[in-house]
């Protein structure tokens, strides 16, 4: 599990993200992420760090860009079961075959080979995330985005996680809580 300890290299990476130029960011990345596109590395790590800082358990994982690096990551992580996940900026990765469980190195290699290069809604998978498989009791959806029509940030939450949120919005819109957030005030109790 990632801790919110400021000595943690992942937390140090996020602090470094405010320091120009980009070479400083790359230098402070954990070694396993230094050669991956910064957008993927940053999004994965930033989400992990934010969750960890608020006490939300997050699995340990590594980014890989080849079947060999996926196997090496799984072996470094140890454990009996890993998840191999496509890293693309779109939903529906699982339904498209971009999320697979591997119980041994051969399966990790096979899944990595099949996922890398996969086209998921027009996004070609170039990187994957290898993590310990979790025993999932419940899944939730949480998102913060820009609502351009309202010219405000929008937080969305749903107890119907693990599915495409677009399908939930269409079939059961009341299952998604929406709240506009003023970035100067942040998420306040009054707004909730």
N, C-alpha and C. Protein backbone atom coordinates (compact mmCIF):
# COMPACT_ATOMS: atom_id res chain seq x y z
N UNK A 1 0.84 -1.19 0.00
CA UNK A 1 0.00 0.00 0.00
C UNK A 1 0.87 1.24 0.00
N UNK A 2 0.42 2.25 -0.68
CA UNK A 2 1.14 3.52 -0.72
C UNK A 2 0.77 4.29 0.53
N UNK A 3 1.74 4.90 1.16
CA UNK A 3 1.43 5.69 2.35
C UNK A 3 1.44 7.16 1.99
N UNK A 4 0.92 7.98 2.88
CA UNK A 4 0.94 9.42 2.67
C UNK A 4 2.20 10.03 3.28
N UNK A 5 3.19 9.22 3.57
CA UNK A 5 4.45 9.66 4.14
C UNK A 5 5.18 10.53 3.12
N UNK A 6 5.58 11.76 3.49
CA UNK A 6 6.23 12.65 2.53
C UNK A 6 7.57 12.12 2.03
N UNK A 7 8.14 11.12 2.71
CA UNK A 7 9.39 10.52 2.23
C UNK A 7 9.12 9.50 1.13
N UNK A 8 7.85 9.16 0.91
CA UNK A 8 7.47 8.19 -0.12
C UNK A 8 7.79 8.80 -1.49
N UNK A 9 8.48 8.07 -2.40
CA UNK A 9 8.84 8.65 -3.70
C UNK A 9 7.64 9.06 -4.54
N UNK A 10 6.51 8.40 -4.36
CA UNK A 10 5.33 8.77 -5.15
C UNK A 10 4.81 10.12 -4.68
N UNK A 11 4.76 10.33 -3.36
CA UNK A 11 4.33 11.62 -2.85
C UNK A 11 5.32 12.69 -3.27
N UNK A 12 6.62 12.39 -3.21
CA UNK A 12 7.63 13.34 -3.63
C UNK A 12 7.44 13.71 -5.10
N UNK A 13 7.03 12.72 -5.92
CA UNK A 13 6.78 12.99 -7.33
C UNK A 13 5.68 14.03 -7.50
N UNK A 14 4.61 13.90 -6.76
CA UNK A 14 3.50 14.84 -6.90
C UNK A 14 3.93 16.23 -6.47
N UNK A 15 4.72 16.32 -5.38
CA UNK A 15 5.23 17.63 -4.98
C UNK A 15 6.12 18.21 -6.08
N UNK A 16 6.89 17.36 -6.74
CA UNK A 16 7.80 17.81 -7.79
C UNK A 16 7.04 18.28 -9.02
N UNK A 17 5.79 17.85 -9.18
CA UNK A 17 5.03 18.19 -10.39
C UNK A 17 4.82 19.69 -10.53
N UNK A 18 4.99 20.43 -9.45
CA UNK A 18 4.83 21.88 -9.53
C UNK A 18 6.14 22.59 -9.85
N UNK A 19 7.25 21.84 -9.93
CA UNK A 19 8.55 22.42 -10.19
C UNK A 19 8.91 22.28 -11.67
N UNK A 20 9.06 23.38 -12.42
CA UNK A 20 9.55 23.26 -13.78
C UNK A 20 11.07 23.07 -13.73
N UNK A 21 11.71 22.62 -14.77
CA UNK A 21 11.17 22.06 -15.99
C UNK A 21 10.83 20.58 -15.84
N UNK A 22 10.39 19.97 -16.94
CA UNK A 22 9.92 18.58 -16.91
C UNK A 22 11.01 17.61 -16.47
N UNK A 23 12.27 17.91 -16.73
CA UNK A 23 13.32 16.95 -16.35
C UNK A 23 13.35 16.75 -14.83
N UNK A 24 12.96 17.78 -14.07
CA UNK A 24 12.90 17.62 -12.62
C UNK A 24 11.81 16.63 -12.23
N UNK A 25 10.71 16.67 -12.95
CA UNK A 25 9.63 15.72 -12.68
C UNK A 25 10.11 14.32 -12.99
N UNK A 26 10.69 14.12 -14.15
CA UNK A 26 11.16 12.79 -14.53
C UNK A 26 12.17 12.25 -13.53
N UNK A 27 13.08 13.10 -13.05
CA UNK A 27 14.09 12.65 -12.10
C UNK A 27 13.48 12.16 -10.79
N UNK A 28 12.35 12.73 -10.39
CA UNK A 28 11.75 12.37 -9.12
C UNK A 28 10.72 11.25 -9.23
N UNK A 29 10.46 10.81 -10.44
CA UNK A 29 9.56 9.67 -10.63
C UNK A 29 10.21 8.41 -10.10
N UNK A 30 9.43 7.48 -9.57
CA UNK A 30 9.99 6.17 -9.26
C UNK A 30 10.61 5.59 -10.54
N UNK A 31 11.71 4.88 -10.40
CA UNK A 31 12.45 4.36 -11.55
C UNK A 31 11.57 3.66 -12.55
N UNK A 32 10.59 2.88 -12.09
CA UNK A 32 9.75 2.11 -13.01
C UNK A 32 8.89 2.99 -13.91
N UNK A 33 8.77 4.29 -13.61
CA UNK A 33 7.90 5.17 -14.39
C UNK A 33 8.64 6.22 -15.20
N UNK A 34 9.95 6.29 -15.10
CA UNK A 34 10.70 7.40 -15.70
C UNK A 34 10.60 7.50 -17.21
N UNK A 35 10.34 6.41 -17.89
CA UNK A 35 10.39 6.43 -19.36
C UNK A 35 9.00 6.30 -19.99
N UNK A 36 7.97 6.51 -19.22
CA UNK A 36 6.61 6.42 -19.74
C UNK A 36 6.06 7.81 -19.97
N UNK A 37 5.03 7.92 -20.82
CA UNK A 37 4.44 9.24 -21.05
C UNK A 37 4.02 9.87 -19.73
N UNK A 38 4.38 11.12 -19.52
CA UNK A 38 4.09 11.77 -18.25
C UNK A 38 2.60 11.83 -17.95
N UNK A 39 1.76 11.93 -18.99
CA UNK A 39 0.33 12.01 -18.70
C UNK A 39 -0.17 10.74 -18.03
N UNK A 40 0.26 9.57 -18.50
CA UNK A 40 -0.17 8.31 -17.89
C UNK A 40 0.44 8.17 -16.50
N UNK A 41 1.75 8.36 -16.39
CA UNK A 41 2.42 8.22 -15.11
C UNK A 41 1.81 9.17 -14.08
N UNK A 42 1.58 10.41 -14.50
CA UNK A 42 1.04 11.39 -13.57
C UNK A 42 -0.37 11.04 -13.12
N UNK A 43 -1.23 10.67 -14.07
CA UNK A 43 -2.61 10.35 -13.70
C UNK A 43 -2.69 9.16 -12.75
N UNK A 44 -1.94 8.12 -13.03
CA UNK A 44 -1.95 6.94 -12.16
C UNK A 44 -1.47 7.32 -10.78
N UNK A 45 -0.31 7.95 -10.71
CA UNK A 45 0.28 8.27 -9.42
C UNK A 45 -0.51 9.33 -8.66
N UNK A 46 -1.01 10.33 -9.37
CA UNK A 46 -1.74 11.40 -8.69
C UNK A 46 -2.99 10.83 -8.02
N UNK A 47 -3.71 9.97 -8.72
CA UNK A 47 -4.89 9.34 -8.13
C UNK A 47 -4.53 8.50 -6.92
N UNK A 48 -3.46 7.73 -7.02
CA UNK A 48 -3.02 6.88 -5.91
C UNK A 48 -2.66 7.74 -4.70
N UNK A 49 -1.90 8.80 -4.93
CA UNK A 49 -1.46 9.65 -3.83
C UNK A 49 -2.64 10.32 -3.14
N UNK A 50 -3.56 10.85 -3.91
CA UNK A 50 -4.71 11.53 -3.31
C UNK A 50 -5.52 10.55 -2.47
N UNK A 51 -5.80 9.38 -3.00
CA UNK A 51 -6.55 8.39 -2.22
C UNK A 51 -5.79 8.01 -0.96
N UNK A 52 -4.50 7.75 -1.06
CA UNK A 52 -3.70 7.34 0.09
C UNK A 52 -3.68 8.42 1.16
N UNK A 53 -3.61 9.68 0.77
CA UNK A 53 -3.57 10.77 1.73
C UNK A 53 -4.86 10.87 2.54
N UNK A 54 -5.94 10.37 2.00
CA UNK A 54 -7.21 10.40 2.71
C UNK A 54 -7.56 9.04 3.32
N UNK A 55 -6.57 8.17 3.42
CA UNK A 55 -6.77 6.90 4.10
C UNK A 55 -7.49 5.84 3.28
N UNK A 56 -7.65 6.06 1.99
CA UNK A 56 -8.30 5.07 1.14
C UNK A 56 -7.23 4.07 0.70
N UNK A 57 -7.43 2.79 0.96
CA UNK A 57 -6.41 1.81 0.57
C UNK A 57 -6.25 1.75 -0.95
N UNK A 58 -5.01 1.73 -1.39
CA UNK A 58 -4.70 1.63 -2.81
C UNK A 58 -3.69 0.51 -3.02
N UNK A 59 -3.86 -0.27 -4.08
CA UNK A 59 -2.93 -1.37 -4.32
C UNK A 59 -1.59 -0.87 -4.85
N UNK A 60 -0.56 -1.62 -4.55
CA UNK A 60 0.76 -1.33 -5.09
C UNK A 60 0.79 -1.78 -6.54
N UNK A 61 1.43 -1.01 -7.39
CA UNK A 61 1.50 -1.40 -8.79
C UNK A 61 2.64 -0.73 -9.51
N UNK A 62 2.82 -1.12 -10.76
CA UNK A 62 3.86 -0.55 -11.61
C UNK A 62 3.34 -0.43 -13.03
N UNK A 63 3.90 0.54 -13.75
CA UNK A 63 3.59 0.73 -15.16
C UNK A 63 4.54 -0.13 -15.98
N UNK A 64 4.05 -0.70 -17.08
CA UNK A 64 4.87 -1.50 -17.99
C UNK A 64 4.51 -1.13 -19.43
N UNK A 65 5.46 -1.34 -20.34
CA UNK A 65 5.20 -1.04 -21.75
C UNK A 65 5.54 -2.20 -22.67
N UNK A 66 5.81 -3.36 -22.08
CA UNK A 66 6.11 -4.55 -22.90
C UNK A 66 5.73 -5.79 -22.08
N UNK A 67 5.55 -6.92 -22.74
CA UNK A 67 5.28 -8.15 -21.99
C UNK A 67 6.39 -8.47 -20.99
N UNK A 68 7.65 -8.25 -21.39
CA UNK A 68 8.77 -8.53 -20.47
C UNK A 68 8.72 -7.62 -19.25
N UNK A 69 8.44 -6.33 -19.44
CA UNK A 69 8.39 -5.42 -18.29
C UNK A 69 7.17 -5.71 -17.43
N UNK A 70 6.10 -6.24 -18.02
CA UNK A 70 4.92 -6.63 -17.23
C UNK A 70 5.25 -7.81 -16.33
N UNK A 71 5.95 -8.80 -16.87
CA UNK A 71 6.36 -9.96 -16.08
C UNK A 71 7.31 -9.53 -14.97
N UNK A 72 8.27 -8.68 -15.31
CA UNK A 72 9.22 -8.20 -14.29
C UNK A 72 8.50 -7.44 -13.18
N UNK A 73 7.53 -6.62 -13.55
CA UNK A 73 6.75 -5.87 -12.55
C UNK A 73 5.98 -6.83 -11.65
N UNK A 74 5.33 -7.82 -12.24
CA UNK A 74 4.56 -8.79 -11.45
C UNK A 74 5.48 -9.54 -10.49
N UNK A 75 6.66 -9.91 -10.96
CA UNK A 75 7.59 -10.64 -10.09
C UNK A 75 8.09 -9.76 -8.96
N UNK A 76 8.35 -8.47 -9.23
CA UNK A 76 8.77 -7.55 -8.16
C UNK A 76 7.66 -7.35 -7.14
N UNK A 77 6.42 -7.28 -7.62
CA UNK A 77 5.29 -7.07 -6.73
C UNK A 77 5.02 -8.30 -5.86
N UNK A 78 5.29 -9.48 -6.42
CA UNK A 78 5.02 -10.71 -5.68
C UNK A 78 3.53 -10.95 -5.55
N UNK A 79 3.16 -12.00 -4.84
CA UNK A 79 1.75 -12.31 -4.62
C UNK A 79 1.22 -13.32 -5.62
N UNK A 80 0.03 -13.84 -5.34
CA UNK A 80 -0.51 -14.92 -6.17
C UNK A 80 -1.27 -14.47 -7.41
N UNK A 81 -1.87 -13.27 -7.39
CA UNK A 81 -2.71 -12.84 -8.52
C UNK A 81 -2.47 -11.35 -8.79
N UNK A 82 -2.33 -11.02 -10.08
CA UNK A 82 -2.14 -9.63 -10.49
C UNK A 82 -3.24 -9.23 -11.46
N UNK A 83 -3.45 -7.93 -11.55
CA UNK A 83 -4.36 -7.38 -12.55
C UNK A 83 -3.51 -6.65 -13.58
N UNK A 84 -3.77 -6.92 -14.85
CA UNK A 84 -3.08 -6.25 -15.96
C UNK A 84 -4.12 -5.31 -16.57
N UNK A 85 -3.86 -3.98 -16.48
CA UNK A 85 -4.86 -2.99 -16.90
C UNK A 85 -4.32 -2.07 -17.99
N UNK A 86 -5.10 -1.89 -19.04
CA UNK A 86 -4.78 -0.93 -20.09
C UNK A 86 -4.82 0.47 -19.50
N UNK A 87 -3.87 1.31 -19.89
CA UNK A 87 -3.84 2.69 -19.45
C UNK A 87 -4.17 3.59 -20.64
N UNK A 88 -5.46 3.91 -20.76
CA UNK A 88 -5.93 4.80 -21.82
C UNK A 88 -6.94 5.76 -21.22
N UNK A 89 -7.12 6.89 -21.86
CA UNK A 89 -8.02 7.92 -21.37
C UNK A 89 -9.44 7.69 -21.88
N UNK A 90 -10.04 6.58 -21.46
CA UNK A 90 -11.43 6.30 -21.83
C UNK A 90 -11.99 5.24 -20.90
N UNK A 91 -13.29 5.15 -20.83
CA UNK A 91 -13.94 4.11 -20.05
C UNK A 91 -14.13 2.85 -20.87
N UNK A 92 -14.65 1.83 -20.24
CA UNK A 92 -14.96 0.59 -20.94
C UNK A 92 -13.76 -0.30 -21.19
N UNK A 93 -12.69 -0.12 -20.42
CA UNK A 93 -11.49 -0.93 -20.64
C UNK A 93 -11.76 -2.41 -20.40
N UNK A 94 -12.50 -2.72 -19.34
CA UNK A 94 -12.77 -4.13 -19.02
C UNK A 94 -13.57 -4.82 -20.11
N UNK A 95 -14.64 -4.17 -20.55
CA UNK A 95 -15.48 -4.76 -21.60
C UNK A 95 -14.73 -4.95 -22.91
N UNK A 96 -13.73 -4.09 -23.15
CA UNK A 96 -12.96 -4.16 -24.39
C UNK A 96 -11.81 -5.17 -24.31
N UNK A 97 -11.65 -5.81 -23.16
CA UNK A 97 -10.56 -6.77 -23.00
C UNK A 97 -9.29 -6.16 -22.46
N UNK A 98 -9.39 -4.95 -21.91
CA UNK A 98 -8.21 -4.24 -21.42
C UNK A 98 -7.91 -4.42 -19.96
N UNK A 99 -8.64 -5.30 -19.27
CA UNK A 99 -8.37 -5.59 -17.85
C UNK A 99 -8.46 -7.10 -17.68
N UNK A 100 -7.36 -7.71 -17.24
CA UNK A 100 -7.31 -9.17 -17.11
C UNK A 100 -6.60 -9.57 -15.82
N UNK A 101 -7.00 -10.71 -15.25
CA UNK A 101 -6.33 -11.28 -14.09
C UNK A 101 -5.29 -12.29 -14.55
N UNK A 102 -4.13 -12.27 -13.88
CA UNK A 102 -3.06 -13.22 -14.19
C UNK A 102 -2.65 -13.92 -12.90
N UNK A 103 -2.58 -15.25 -12.96
CA UNK A 103 -2.20 -16.03 -11.77
C UNK A 103 -0.76 -16.53 -11.83
N UNK A 104 -0.07 -16.28 -12.94
CA UNK A 104 1.34 -16.68 -13.04
C UNK A 104 2.02 -15.79 -14.09
N UNK A 105 3.33 -15.92 -14.20
CA UNK A 105 4.10 -15.07 -15.12
C UNK A 105 3.70 -15.27 -16.58
N UNK A 106 3.39 -16.51 -16.95
CA UNK A 106 2.98 -16.76 -18.34
C UNK A 106 1.69 -16.04 -18.68
N UNK A 107 0.72 -16.07 -17.75
CA UNK A 107 -0.54 -15.35 -17.98
C UNK A 107 -0.30 -13.84 -18.03
N UNK A 108 0.57 -13.33 -17.16
CA UNK A 108 0.89 -11.89 -17.18
C UNK A 108 1.47 -11.50 -18.53
N UNK A 109 2.36 -12.32 -19.05
CA UNK A 109 2.97 -12.07 -20.36
C UNK A 109 1.92 -12.12 -21.47
N UNK A 110 1.07 -13.13 -21.45
CA UNK A 110 0.03 -13.28 -22.48
C UNK A 110 -0.94 -12.11 -22.45
N UNK A 111 -1.41 -11.75 -21.26
CA UNK A 111 -2.35 -10.64 -21.16
C UNK A 111 -1.70 -9.32 -21.60
N UNK A 112 -0.46 -9.11 -21.19
CA UNK A 112 0.24 -7.89 -21.60
C UNK A 112 0.36 -7.84 -23.13
N UNK A 113 0.72 -8.97 -23.73
CA UNK A 113 0.84 -9.04 -25.20
C UNK A 113 -0.48 -8.73 -25.89
N UNK A 114 -1.58 -9.24 -25.33
CA UNK A 114 -2.89 -9.03 -25.93
C UNK A 114 -3.42 -7.61 -25.72
N UNK A 115 -3.08 -7.01 -24.58
CA UNK A 115 -3.61 -5.67 -24.27
C UNK A 115 -2.80 -4.57 -24.95
N UNK A 116 -1.48 -4.70 -24.95
CA UNK A 116 -0.65 -3.69 -25.60
C UNK A 116 -0.98 -3.67 -27.10
N UNK A 117 -1.26 -2.49 -27.62
CA UNK A 117 -1.63 -2.35 -29.03
C UNK A 117 -3.13 -2.46 -29.26
N UNK A 118 -3.88 -2.83 -28.24
CA UNK A 118 -5.33 -2.95 -28.35
C UNK A 118 -5.95 -1.57 -28.60
N UNK A 119 -6.96 -1.52 -29.45
CA UNK A 119 -7.69 -0.28 -29.72
C UNK A 119 -8.94 -0.28 -28.84
N UNK A 120 -8.99 0.65 -27.90
CA UNK A 120 -10.16 0.79 -27.02
C UNK A 120 -10.78 2.14 -27.32
N UNK A 121 -11.89 2.11 -28.03
CA UNK A 121 -12.62 3.32 -28.40
C UNK A 121 -11.72 4.36 -29.06
N UNK A 122 -10.87 3.91 -29.97
CA UNK A 122 -9.99 4.81 -30.70
C UNK A 122 -8.69 5.15 -29.99
N UNK A 123 -8.46 4.59 -28.82
CA UNK A 123 -7.23 4.83 -28.07
C UNK A 123 -6.39 3.55 -28.12
N UNK A 124 -5.19 3.66 -28.63
CA UNK A 124 -4.29 2.51 -28.73
C UNK A 124 -3.53 2.39 -27.41
N UNK A 125 -3.55 1.21 -26.81
CA UNK A 125 -2.89 0.97 -25.52
C UNK A 125 -1.38 0.87 -25.74
N UNK A 126 -0.65 1.77 -25.10
CA UNK A 126 0.81 1.76 -25.17
C UNK A 126 1.43 1.43 -23.83
N UNK A 127 0.68 1.62 -22.76
CA UNK A 127 1.17 1.29 -21.42
C UNK A 127 0.11 0.52 -20.66
N UNK A 128 0.57 -0.29 -19.74
CA UNK A 128 -0.33 -1.06 -18.87
C UNK A 128 0.09 -0.87 -17.43
N UNK A 129 -0.83 -1.12 -16.52
CA UNK A 129 -0.58 -1.02 -15.09
C UNK A 129 -0.72 -2.43 -14.52
N UNK A 130 0.30 -2.86 -13.78
CA UNK A 130 0.28 -4.18 -13.14
C UNK A 130 0.14 -3.93 -11.65
N UNK A 131 -0.85 -4.54 -11.02
CA UNK A 131 -1.05 -4.38 -9.58
C UNK A 131 -1.51 -5.68 -8.97
N UNK A 132 -1.42 -5.74 -7.64
CA UNK A 132 -1.96 -6.88 -6.91
C UNK A 132 -3.47 -6.90 -7.11
N UNK A 133 -4.03 -8.07 -7.30
CA UNK A 133 -5.49 -8.19 -7.38
C UNK A 133 -6.06 -7.94 -5.99
N UNK A 134 -7.17 -7.27 -5.93
CA UNK A 134 -7.82 -6.95 -4.66
C UNK A 134 -9.10 -7.75 -4.52
N UNK A 135 -9.43 -8.07 -3.30
CA UNK A 135 -10.71 -8.70 -3.00
C UNK A 135 -11.71 -7.56 -2.85
N UNK A 136 -12.50 -7.33 -3.87
CA UNK A 136 -13.36 -6.15 -3.93
C UNK A 136 -14.71 -6.45 -3.30
N UNK A 137 -15.02 -5.72 -2.22
CA UNK A 137 -16.31 -5.87 -1.56
C UNK A 137 -17.36 -4.96 -2.20
N UNK A 138 -16.96 -3.72 -2.52
CA UNK A 138 -17.87 -2.75 -3.12
C UNK A 138 -17.08 -1.87 -4.08
N UNK A 139 -17.75 -1.37 -5.10
CA UNK A 139 -17.13 -0.44 -6.04
C UNK A 139 -17.97 0.82 -6.13
N UNK A 140 -17.26 1.95 -6.19
CA UNK A 140 -17.90 3.25 -6.31
C UNK A 140 -17.29 3.98 -7.48
N UNK A 141 -18.02 4.96 -7.98
CA UNK A 141 -17.51 5.82 -9.05
C UNK A 141 -17.35 7.21 -8.47
N UNK A 142 -16.19 7.82 -8.69
CA UNK A 142 -15.95 9.21 -8.28
C UNK A 142 -15.21 9.90 -9.40
N UNK A 143 -15.65 11.11 -9.72
CA UNK A 143 -15.02 11.84 -10.81
C UNK A 143 -15.12 13.34 -10.55
N UNK A 144 -14.09 14.04 -10.94
CA UNK A 144 -14.12 15.50 -10.92
C UNK A 144 -13.75 15.95 -12.32
N UNK A 145 -14.58 16.80 -12.89
CA UNK A 145 -14.37 17.24 -14.26
C UNK A 145 -14.81 18.69 -14.40
N UNK A 146 -14.63 19.23 -15.56
CA UNK A 146 -15.07 20.59 -15.82
C UNK A 146 -16.41 20.54 -16.55
N UNK A 147 -17.41 21.19 -15.97
CA UNK A 147 -18.72 21.32 -16.60
C UNK A 147 -18.69 22.62 -17.38
N UNK A 148 -18.43 22.53 -18.67
CA UNK A 148 -18.26 23.73 -19.48
C UNK A 148 -19.54 24.54 -19.60
N UNK A 149 -20.67 23.87 -19.63
CA UNK A 149 -21.93 24.63 -19.76
C UNK A 149 -22.19 25.47 -18.51
N UNK A 150 -21.81 24.97 -17.34
CA UNK A 150 -22.01 25.72 -16.09
C UNK A 150 -20.79 26.57 -15.75
N UNK A 151 -19.70 26.39 -16.51
CA UNK A 151 -18.44 27.09 -16.24
C UNK A 151 -18.00 26.88 -14.80
N UNK A 152 -18.05 25.61 -14.37
CA UNK A 152 -17.67 25.26 -12.99
C UNK A 152 -17.16 23.82 -12.96
N UNK A 153 -16.43 23.51 -11.90
CA UNK A 153 -16.00 22.13 -11.71
C UNK A 153 -17.18 21.31 -11.21
N UNK A 154 -17.21 20.05 -11.61
CA UNK A 154 -18.31 19.17 -11.26
C UNK A 154 -17.78 17.90 -10.61
N UNK A 155 -18.27 17.60 -9.43
CA UNK A 155 -17.95 16.34 -8.78
C UNK A 155 -19.12 15.39 -8.99
N UNK A 156 -18.83 14.15 -9.35
CA UNK A 156 -19.87 13.14 -9.56
C UNK A 156 -19.52 11.90 -8.75
N UNK A 157 -20.50 11.37 -8.04
CA UNK A 157 -20.31 10.17 -7.22
C UNK A 157 -21.47 9.21 -7.46
N UNK A 158 -21.16 7.92 -7.42
CA UNK A 158 -22.20 6.92 -7.57
C UNK A 158 -21.80 5.64 -6.84
N UNK A 159 -22.79 4.99 -6.25
CA UNK A 159 -22.57 3.69 -5.63
C UNK A 159 -22.54 2.59 -6.68
N UNK A 160 -22.80 2.94 -7.94
CA UNK A 160 -22.79 1.96 -9.03
C UNK A 160 -21.45 2.04 -9.77
N UNK A 161 -20.38 1.74 -9.05
CA UNK A 161 -19.05 1.73 -9.66
C UNK A 161 -18.81 0.43 -10.38
N UNK A 162 -17.71 0.37 -11.11
CA UNK A 162 -17.35 -0.84 -11.82
C UNK A 162 -18.06 -1.03 -13.15
N UNK A 163 -18.86 -0.04 -13.54
CA UNK A 163 -19.56 -0.10 -14.82
C UNK A 163 -19.32 1.23 -15.54
N UNK A 164 -19.67 1.27 -16.80
CA UNK A 164 -19.53 2.52 -17.53
C UNK A 164 -20.52 3.53 -16.99
N UNK A 165 -20.01 4.64 -16.51
CA UNK A 165 -20.85 5.66 -15.89
C UNK A 165 -21.82 6.26 -16.90
N UNK A 166 -21.44 6.25 -18.18
CA UNK A 166 -22.33 6.78 -19.21
C UNK A 166 -23.61 5.95 -19.28
N UNK A 167 -23.49 4.63 -19.10
CA UNK A 167 -24.66 3.76 -19.12
C UNK A 167 -25.54 4.02 -17.91
N UNK A 168 -24.92 4.26 -16.74
CA UNK A 168 -25.69 4.58 -15.53
C UNK A 168 -26.41 5.90 -15.73
N UNK A 169 -25.72 6.89 -16.28
CA UNK A 169 -26.34 8.21 -16.50
C UNK A 169 -27.55 8.12 -17.41
N UNK A 170 -27.49 7.23 -18.38
CA UNK A 170 -28.60 7.08 -19.32
C UNK A 170 -29.76 6.29 -18.72
N UNK A 171 -29.46 5.17 -18.05
CA UNK A 171 -30.52 4.29 -17.56
C UNK A 171 -31.04 4.66 -16.18
N UNK A 172 -30.20 5.27 -15.35
CA UNK A 172 -30.58 5.56 -13.97
C UNK A 172 -29.88 6.84 -13.49
N UNK A 173 -30.21 8.00 -14.07
CA UNK A 173 -29.49 9.23 -13.75
C UNK A 173 -29.52 9.63 -12.28
N UNK A 174 -30.57 9.24 -11.57
CA UNK A 174 -30.64 9.59 -10.14
C UNK A 174 -29.64 8.82 -9.29
N UNK A 175 -28.97 7.83 -9.87
CA UNK A 175 -27.94 7.07 -9.15
C UNK A 175 -26.61 7.80 -9.11
N UNK A 176 -26.54 8.96 -9.76
CA UNK A 176 -25.31 9.75 -9.77
C UNK A 176 -25.56 11.07 -9.04
N UNK A 177 -24.82 11.27 -7.96
CA UNK A 177 -24.89 12.55 -7.25
C UNK A 177 -23.94 13.53 -7.94
N UNK A 178 -24.43 14.73 -8.18
CA UNK A 178 -23.63 15.76 -8.85
C UNK A 178 -23.56 16.99 -7.98
N UNK A 179 -22.38 17.59 -7.92
CA UNK A 179 -22.22 18.81 -7.14
C UNK A 179 -21.22 19.72 -7.84
N UNK A 180 -21.58 21.00 -8.01
CA UNK A 180 -20.65 21.98 -8.59
C UNK A 180 -19.74 22.48 -7.47
N UNK A 181 -18.47 22.65 -7.81
CA UNK A 181 -17.46 22.99 -6.80
C UNK A 181 -16.74 24.26 -7.22
N UNK A 182 -16.67 25.21 -6.30
CA UNK A 182 -15.91 26.43 -6.52
C UNK A 182 -14.45 26.10 -6.17
N UNK A 183 -13.52 26.23 -7.14
CA UNK A 183 -12.14 25.85 -6.85
C UNK A 183 -11.49 26.70 -5.75
N UNK A 184 -11.98 27.90 -5.53
CA UNK A 184 -11.41 28.73 -4.45
C UNK A 184 -11.83 28.19 -3.08
N UNK A 185 -13.03 27.63 -2.99
CA UNK A 185 -13.53 27.12 -1.71
C UNK A 185 -13.24 25.64 -1.51
N UNK A 186 -13.09 24.91 -2.60
CA UNK A 186 -12.93 23.46 -2.50
C UNK A 186 -14.25 22.80 -2.20
N UNK A 187 -14.20 21.56 -1.82
CA UNK A 187 -15.39 20.78 -1.50
C UNK A 187 -15.78 21.08 -0.06
N UNK A 188 -16.87 21.79 0.14
CA UNK A 188 -17.27 22.21 1.49
C UNK A 188 -18.47 21.39 1.96
N UNK A 189 -18.66 21.35 3.28
CA UNK A 189 -19.82 20.65 3.84
C UNK A 189 -21.11 21.28 3.40
N UNK A 190 -21.13 22.61 3.28
CA UNK A 190 -22.35 23.31 2.85
C UNK A 190 -22.77 22.89 1.44
N UNK A 191 -21.78 22.70 0.57
CA UNK A 191 -22.08 22.32 -0.81
C UNK A 191 -22.60 20.90 -0.89
N UNK A 192 -22.18 20.07 0.04
CA UNK A 192 -22.59 18.68 0.02
C UNK A 192 -23.98 18.53 0.59
